[in-house]
Amino acid sequence: MNIEAIKAAVDAGQTVHWANTGYIVHKDALGQYLITYRHGGGTIGLTDQSGTRLNGDEAEFYVAGANNNQ
């Protein structure tokens, strides 16, 4: 998934994971898209500071319940 597809899925209320179900992509109260590790609470931004490069490989992001191999 690319940046725009991830943001659109989150905005539509879909659950987006990165790499595995332990990582969830969400939008905070300030409108920032974040990746949070559910079991430890560690959080990073979805992208670098420029907003143009994902903090992860596009192929590793997926929508929960979608037809994928995660």
PDB file of N, CA and C in Angstrom:
ATOM      1  N   MET A   1       0.847  -1.181   0.000  1.00  0.00           N
ATOM      2  CA  MET A   1       0.000   0.000   0.000  1.00  0.00           C
ATOM      3  C   MET A   1       0.889   1.240   0.000  1.00  0.00           C
ATOM      4  N   ASN A   2       0.501   2.236  -0.765  1.00  0.00           N
ATOM      5  CA  ASN A   2       1.253   3.488  -0.742  1.00  0.00           C
ATOM      6  C   ASN A   2       0.672   4.422   0.324  1.00  0.00           C
ATOM      7  N   ILE A   3       1.312   5.553   0.510  1.00  0.00           N
ATOM      8  CA  ILE A   3       0.917   6.485   1.569  1.00  0.00           C
ATOM      9  C   ILE A   3      -0.547   6.894   1.443  1.00  0.00           C
ATOM     10  N   GLU A   4      -0.963   7.271   0.256  1.00  0.00           N
ATOM     11  CA  GLU A   4      -2.340   7.739   0.072  1.00  0.00           C
ATOM     12  C   GLU A   4      -3.350   6.633   0.330  1.00  0.00           C
ATOM     13  N   ALA A   5      -3.053   5.408  -0.089  1.00  0.00           N
ATOM     14  CA  ALA A   5      -3.966   4.283   0.145  1.00  0.00           C
ATOM     15  C   ALA A   5      -4.076   3.973   1.633  1.00  0.00           C
ATOM     16  N   ILE A   6      -2.964   4.054   2.342  1.00  0.00           N
ATOM     17  CA  ILE A   6      -2.975   3.810   3.787  1.00  0.00           C
ATOM     18  C   ILE A   6      -3.826   4.865   4.485  1.00  0.00           C
ATOM     19  N   LYS A   7      -3.590   6.126   4.160  1.00  0.00           N
ATOM     20  CA  LYS A   7      -4.355   7.208   4.783  1.00  0.00           C
ATOM     21  C   LYS A   7      -5.840   7.082   4.473  1.00  0.00           C
ATOM     22  N   ALA A   8      -6.174   6.755   3.234  1.00  0.00           N
ATOM     23  CA  ALA A   8      -7.579   6.614   2.847  1.00  0.00           C
ATOM     24  C   ALA A   8      -8.245   5.476   3.615  1.00  0.00           C
ATOM     25  N   ALA A   9      -7.541   4.371   3.783  1.00  0.00           N
ATOM     26  CA  ALA A   9      -8.095   3.235   4.525  1.00  0.00           C
ATOM     27  C   ALA A   9      -8.322   3.603   5.990  1.00  0.00           C
ATOM     28  N   VAL A  10      -7.351   4.271   6.604  1.00  0.00           N
ATOM     29  CA  VAL A  10      -7.496   4.696   8.001  1.00  0.00           C
ATOM     30  C   VAL A  10      -8.666   5.666   8.127  1.00  0.00           C
ATOM     31  N   ASP A  11      -8.744   6.632   7.222  1.00  0.00           N
ATOM     32  CA  ASP A  11      -9.832   7.615   7.256  1.00  0.00           C
ATOM     33  C   ASP A  11     -11.202   6.965   7.062  1.00  0.00           C
ATOM     34  N   ALA A  12     -11.235   5.838   6.340  1.00  0.00           N
ATOM     35  CA  ALA A  12     -12.489   5.119   6.100  1.00  0.00           C
ATOM     36  C   ALA A  12     -12.850   4.187   7.256  1.00  0.00           C
ATOM     37  N   GLY A  13     -12.016   4.178   8.285  1.00  0.00           N
ATOM     38  CA  GLY A  13     -12.310   3.360   9.452  1.00  0.00           C
ATOM     39  C   GLY A  13     -11.792   1.940   9.383  1.00  0.00           C
ATOM     40  N   GLN A  14     -10.984   1.645   8.367  1.00  0.00           N
ATOM     41  CA  GLN A  14     -10.417   0.306   8.253  1.00  0.00           C
ATOM     42  C   GLN A  14      -9.192   0.180   9.152  1.00  0.00           C
ATOM     43  N   THR A  15      -8.919  -1.028   9.603  1.00  0.00           N
ATOM     44  CA  THR A  15      -7.739  -1.282  10.417  1.00  0.00           C
ATOM     45  C   THR A  15      -6.580  -1.615   9.493  1.00  0.00           C
ATOM     46  N   VAL A  16      -5.516  -0.823   9.582  1.00  0.00           N
ATOM     47  CA  VAL A  16      -4.330  -1.040   8.760  1.00  0.00           C
ATOM     48  C   VAL A  16      -3.188  -1.474   9.668  1.00  0.00           C
ATOM     49  N   HIS A  17      -2.510  -2.546   9.260  1.00  0.00           N
ATOM     50  CA  HIS A  17      -1.361  -3.055  10.006  1.00  0.00           C
ATOM     51  C   HIS A  17      -0.090  -2.854   9.196  1.00  0.00           C
ATOM     52  N   TRP A  18       1.022  -2.841   9.901  1.00  0.00           N
ATOM     53  CA  TRP A  18       2.336  -2.813   9.268  1.00  0.00           C
ATOM     54  C   TRP A  18       3.097  -4.051   9.734  1.00  0.00           C
ATOM     55  N   ALA A  19       3.552  -4.852   8.821  1.00  0.00           N
ATOM     56  CA  ALA A  19       4.388  -6.030   9.063  1.00  0.00           C
ATOM     57  C   ALA A  19       3.644  -7.176   9.741  1.00  0.00           C
ATOM     58  N   ASN A  20       2.900  -6.924  10.812  1.00  0.00           N
ATOM     59  CA  ASN A  20       2.110  -7.959  11.483  1.00  0.00           C
ATOM     60  C   ASN A  20       1.026  -7.274  12.310  1.00  0.00           C
ATOM     61  N   THR A  21       0.177  -8.067  12.923  1.00  0.00           N
ATOM     62  CA  THR A  21      -0.966  -7.494  13.638  1.00  0.00           C
ATOM     63  C   THR A  21      -0.582  -6.742  14.907  1.00  0.00           C
ATOM     64  N   GLY A  22       0.670  -6.839  15.317  1.00  0.00           N
ATOM     65  CA  GLY A  22       1.129  -6.091  16.485  1.00  0.00           C
ATOM     66  C   GLY A  22       1.273  -4.603  16.215  1.00  0.00           C
ATOM     67  N   TYR A  23       1.423  -4.238  14.948  1.00  0.00           N
ATOM     68  CA  TYR A  23       1.582  -2.831  14.568  1.00  0.00           C
ATOM     69  C   TYR A  23       0.304  -2.343  13.905  1.00  0.00           C
ATOM     70  N   ILE A  24      -0.207  -1.224  14.377  1.00  0.00           N
ATOM     71  CA  ILE A  24      -1.438  -0.667  13.829  1.00  0.00           C
ATOM     72  C   ILE A  24      -1.201   0.789  13.412  1.00  0.00           C
ATOM     73  N   VAL A  25      -1.759   1.149  12.264  1.00  0.00           N
ATOM     74  CA  VAL A  25      -1.663   2.524  11.771  1.00  0.00           C
ATOM     75  C   VAL A  25      -2.940   3.246  12.188  1.00  0.00           C
ATOM     76  N   HIS A  26      -2.785   4.430  12.749  1.00  0.00           N
ATOM     77  CA  HIS A  26      -3.949   5.201  13.193  1.00  0.00           C
ATOM     78  C   HIS A  26      -3.674   6.688  13.024  1.00  0.00           C
ATOM     79  N   LYS A  27      -4.719   7.471  13.189  1.00  0.00           N
ATOM     80  CA  LYS A  27      -4.634   8.931  13.089  1.00  0.00           C
ATOM     81  C   LYS A  27      -4.930   9.501  14.465  1.00  0.00           C
ATOM     82  N   ASP A  28      -4.056  10.377  14.953  1.00  0.00           N
ATOM     83  CA  ASP A  28      -4.266  10.938  16.292  1.00  0.00           C
ATOM     84  C   ASP A  28      -5.129  12.203  16.236  1.00  0.00           C
ATOM     85  N   ALA A  29      -5.359  12.793  17.390  1.00  0.00           N
ATOM     86  CA  ALA A  29      -6.218  13.977  17.502  1.00  0.00           C
ATOM     87  C   ALA A  29      -5.661  15.189  16.760  1.00  0.00           C
ATOM     88  N   LEU A  30      -4.353  15.181  16.483  1.00  0.00           N
ATOM     89  CA  LEU A  30      -3.731  16.286  15.753  1.00  0.00           C
ATOM     90  C   LEU A  30      -3.733  16.060  14.243  1.00  0.00           C
ATOM     91  N   GLY A  31      -4.265  14.911  13.813  1.00  0.00           N
ATOM     92  CA  GLY A  31      -4.310  14.595  12.392  1.00  0.00           C
ATOM     93  C   GLY A  31      -3.064  13.910  11.871  1.00  0.00           C
ATOM     94  N   GLN A  32      -2.199  13.479  12.771  1.00  0.00           N
ATOM     95  CA  GLN A  32      -0.968  12.791  12.384  1.00  0.00           C
ATOM     96  C   GLN A  32      -1.246  11.300  12.208  1.00  0.00           C
ATOM     97  N   TYR A  33      -0.679  10.719  11.156  1.00  0.00           N
ATOM     98  CA  TYR A  33      -0.793   9.280  10.941  1.00  0.00           C
ATOM     99  C   TYR A  33       0.410   8.622  11.602  1.00  0.00           C
ATOM    100  N   LEU A  34       0.132   7.640  12.456  1.00  0.00           N
ATOM    101  CA  LEU A  34       1.165   7.023  13.277  1.00  0.00           C
ATOM    102  C   LEU A  34       1.112   5.509  13.172  1.00  0.00           C
ATOM    103  N   ILE A  35       2.252   4.878  13.460  1.00  0.00           N
ATOM    104  CA  ILE A  35       2.336   3.429  13.580  1.00  0.00           C
ATOM    105  C   ILE A  35       2.646   3.141  15.039  1.00  0.00           C
ATOM    106  N   THR A  36       1.792   2.360  15.686  1.00  0.00           N
ATOM    107  CA  THR A  36       1.979   2.048  17.102  1.00  0.00           C
ATOM    108  C   THR A  36       2.079   0.541  17.293  1.00  0.00           C
ATOM    109  N   TYR A  37       3.055   0.134  18.102  1.00  0.00           N
ATOM    110  CA  TYR A  37       3.178  -1.263  18.492  1.00  0.00           C
ATOM    111  C   TYR A  37       2.232  -1.482  19.662  1.00  0.00           C
ATOM    112  N   ARG A  38       1.215  -2.302  19.450  1.00  0.00           N
ATOM    113  CA  ARG A  38       0.136  -2.457  20.431  1.00  0.00           C
ATOM    114  C   ARG A  38       0.591  -3.047  21.758  1.00  0.00           C
ATOM    115  N   HIS A  39       1.608  -3.870  21.748  1.00  0.00           N
ATOM    116  CA  HIS A  39       1.992  -4.574  22.967  1.00  0.00           C
ATOM    117  C   HIS A  39       2.981  -3.798  23.827  1.00  0.00           C
ATOM    118  N   GLY A  40       3.617  -2.788  23.263  1.00  0.00           N
ATOM    119  CA  GLY A  40       4.574  -2.009  24.036  1.00  0.00           C
ATOM    120  C   GLY A  40       4.303  -0.523  24.017  1.00  0.00           C
ATOM    121  N   GLY A  41       3.455  -0.104  23.072  1.00  0.00           N
ATOM    122  CA  GLY A  41       3.073   1.292  23.000  1.00  0.00           C
ATOM    123  C   GLY A  41       4.022   2.196  22.240  1.00  0.00           C
ATOM    124  N   GLY A  42       5.128   1.654  21.737  1.00  0.00           N
ATOM    125  CA  GLY A  42       6.055   2.472  20.961  1.00  0.00           C
ATOM    126  C   GLY A  42       5.381   2.992  19.705  1.00  0.00           C
ATOM    127  N   THR A  43       5.639   4.245  19.363  1.00  0.00           N
ATOM    128  CA  THR A  43       4.975   4.885  18.230  1.00  0.00           C
ATOM    129  C   THR A  43       5.974   5.651  17.379  1.00  0.00           C
ATOM    130  N   ILE A  44       5.812   5.542  16.056  1.00  0.00           N
ATOM    131  CA  ILE A  44       6.573   6.355  15.107  1.00  0.00           C
ATOM    132  C   ILE A  44       5.586   6.934  14.100  1.00  0.00           C
ATOM    133  N   GLY A  45       6.020   7.939  13.372  1.00  0.00           N
ATOM    134  CA  GLY A  45       5.186   8.498  12.321  1.00  0.00           C
ATOM    135  C   GLY A  45       5.047   7.526  11.166  1.00  0.00           C
ATOM    136  N   LEU A  46       3.973   7.638  10.426  1.00  0.00           N
ATOM    137  CA  LEU A  46       3.783   6.812   9.236  1.00  0.00           C
ATOM    138  C   LEU A  46       4.859   7.104   8.202  1.00  0.00           C
ATOM    139  N   THR A  47       5.275   8.371   8.133  1.00  0.00           N
ATOM    140  CA  THR A  47       6.268   8.788   7.141  1.00  0.00           C
ATOM    141  C   THR A  47       7.437   9.505   7.813  1.00  0.00           C
ATOM    142  N   ASP A  48       8.444   9.794   7.004  1.00  0.00           N
ATOM    143  CA  ASP A  48       9.540  10.634   7.485  1.00  0.00           C
ATOM    144  C   ASP A  48       9.021  12.066   7.641  1.00  0.00           C
ATOM    145  N   GLN A  49       9.874  12.974   8.081  1.00  0.00           N
ATOM    146  CA  GLN A  49       9.431  14.348   8.341  1.00  0.00           C
ATOM    147  C   GLN A  49       8.936  15.073   7.099  1.00  0.00           C
ATOM    148  N   SER A  50       9.442  14.691   5.927  1.00  0.00           N
ATOM    149  CA  SER A  50       8.989  15.340   4.695  1.00  0.00           C
ATOM    150  C   SER A  50       7.582  14.902   4.308  1.00  0.00           C
ATOM    151  N   GLY A  51       7.144  13.764   4.865  1.00  0.00           N
ATOM    152  CA  GLY A  51       5.822  13.245   4.542  1.00  0.00           C
ATOM    153  C   GLY A  51       5.750  12.504   3.233  1.00  0.00           C
ATOM    154  N   THR A  52       6.903  12.235   2.622  1.00  0.00           N
ATOM    155  CA  THR A  52       6.910  11.608   1.304  1.00  0.00           C
ATOM    156  C   THR A  52       7.464  10.190   1.291  1.00  0.00           C
ATOM    157  N   ARG A  53       8.042   9.741   2.396  1.00  0.00           N
ATOM    158  CA  ARG A  53       8.632   8.405   2.432  1.00  0.00           C
ATOM    159  C   ARG A  53       8.086   7.636   3.631  1.00  0.00           C
ATOM    160  N   LEU A  54       7.548   6.449   3.364  1.00  0.00           N
ATOM    161  CA  LEU A  54       7.001   5.614   4.433  1.00  0.00           C
ATOM    162  C   LEU A  54       8.092   5.136   5.378  1.00  0.00           C
ATOM    163  N   ASN A  55       7.757   5.019   6.657  1.00  0.00           N
ATOM    164  CA  ASN A  55       8.635   4.377   7.635  1.00  0.00           C
ATOM    165  C   ASN A  55       8.320   2.885   7.626  1.00  0.00           C
ATOM    166  N   GLY A  56       8.610   2.255   6.531  1.00  0.00           N
ATOM    167  CA  GLY A  56       8.334   0.838   6.309  1.00  0.00           C
ATOM    168  C   GLY A  56       8.161   0.608   4.825  1.00  0.00           C
ATOM    169  N   ASP A  57       8.228  -0.633   4.422  1.00  0.00           N
ATOM    170  CA  ASP A  57       8.085  -0.993   3.015  1.00  0.00           C
ATOM    171  C   ASP A  57       6.606  -1.018   2.634  1.00  0.00           C
ATOM    172  N   GLU A  58       6.265  -0.470   1.475  1.00  0.00           N
ATOM    173  CA  GLU A  58       4.866  -0.445   1.019  1.00  0.00           C
ATOM    174  C   GLU A  58       4.224  -1.823   1.065  1.00  0.00           C
ATOM    175  N   ALA A  59       4.986  -2.841   0.712  1.00  0.00           N
ATOM    176  CA  ALA A  59       4.454  -4.206   0.655  1.00  0.00           C
ATOM    177  C   ALA A  59       4.089  -4.759   2.030  1.00  0.00           C
ATOM    178  N   GLU A  60       4.575  -4.135   3.096  1.00  0.00           N
ATOM    179  CA  GLU A  60       4.327  -4.640   4.446  1.00  0.00           C
ATOM    180  C   GLU A  60       3.080  -4.049   5.106  1.00  0.00           C
ATOM    181  N   PHE A  61       2.425  -3.099   4.465  1.00  0.00           N
ATOM    182  CA  PHE A  61       1.201  -2.504   5.006  1.00  0.00           C
ATOM    183  C   PHE A  61      -0.004  -3.212   4.396  1.00  0.00           C
ATOM    184  N   TYR A  62      -0.996  -3.506   5.223  1.00  0.00           N
ATOM    185  CA  TYR A  62      -2.182  -4.198   4.729  1.00  0.00           C
ATOM    186  C   TYR A  62      -3.394  -3.883   5.605  1.00  0.00           C
ATOM    187  N   VAL A  63      -4.566  -4.047   4.998  1.00  0.00           N
ATOM    188  CA  VAL A  63      -5.824  -3.837   5.705  1.00  0.00           C
ATOM    189  C   VAL A  63      -6.225  -5.153   6.362  1.00  0.00           C
ATOM    190  N   ALA A  64      -6.573  -5.095   7.636  1.00  0.00           N
ATOM    191  CA  ALA A  64      -6.997  -6.293   8.364  1.00  0.00           C
ATOM    192  C   ALA A  64      -8.219  -6.903   7.691  1.00  0.00           C
ATOM    193  N   GLY A  65      -8.193  -8.197   7.535  1.00  0.00           N
ATOM    194  CA  GLY A  65      -9.324  -8.893   6.949  1.00  0.00           C
ATOM    195  C   GLY A  65      -9.342  -8.878   5.438  1.00  0.00           C
ATOM    196  N   ALA A  66      -8.451  -8.096   4.820  1.00  0.00           N
ATOM    197  CA  ALA A  66      -8.374  -8.086   3.359  1.00  0.00           C
ATOM    198  C   ALA A  66      -7.728  -9.388   2.909  1.00  0.00           C
ATOM    199  N   ASN A  67      -7.886  -9.714   1.670  1.00  0.00           N
ATOM    200  CA  ASN A  67      -7.301 -10.937   1.132  1.00  0.00           C
ATOM    201  C   ASN A  67      -5.793 -10.765   1.040  1.00  0.00           C
ATOM    202  N   ASN A  68      -5.096 -11.200   2.071  1.00  0.00           N
ATOM    203  CA  ASN A  68      -3.639 -11.085   2.103  1.00  0.00           C
ATOM    204  C   ASN A  68      -3.066 -12.278   2.842  1.00  0.00           C
ATOM    205  N   ASN A  69      -1.774 -12.369   2.854  1.00  0.00           N
ATOM    206  CA  ASN A  69      -1.098 -13.510   3.468  1.00  0.00           C
ATOM    207  C   ASN A  69      -0.523 -13.185   4.829  1.00  0.00           C
ATOM    208  N   GLN A  70      -0.992 -12.153   5.484  1.00  0.00           N
ATOM    209  CA  GLN A  70      -0.439 -11.750   6.776  1.00  0.00           C
ATOM    210  C   GLN A  70      -1.002 -12.584   7.889  1.00  0.00           C
TER     211      GLN A  70
END
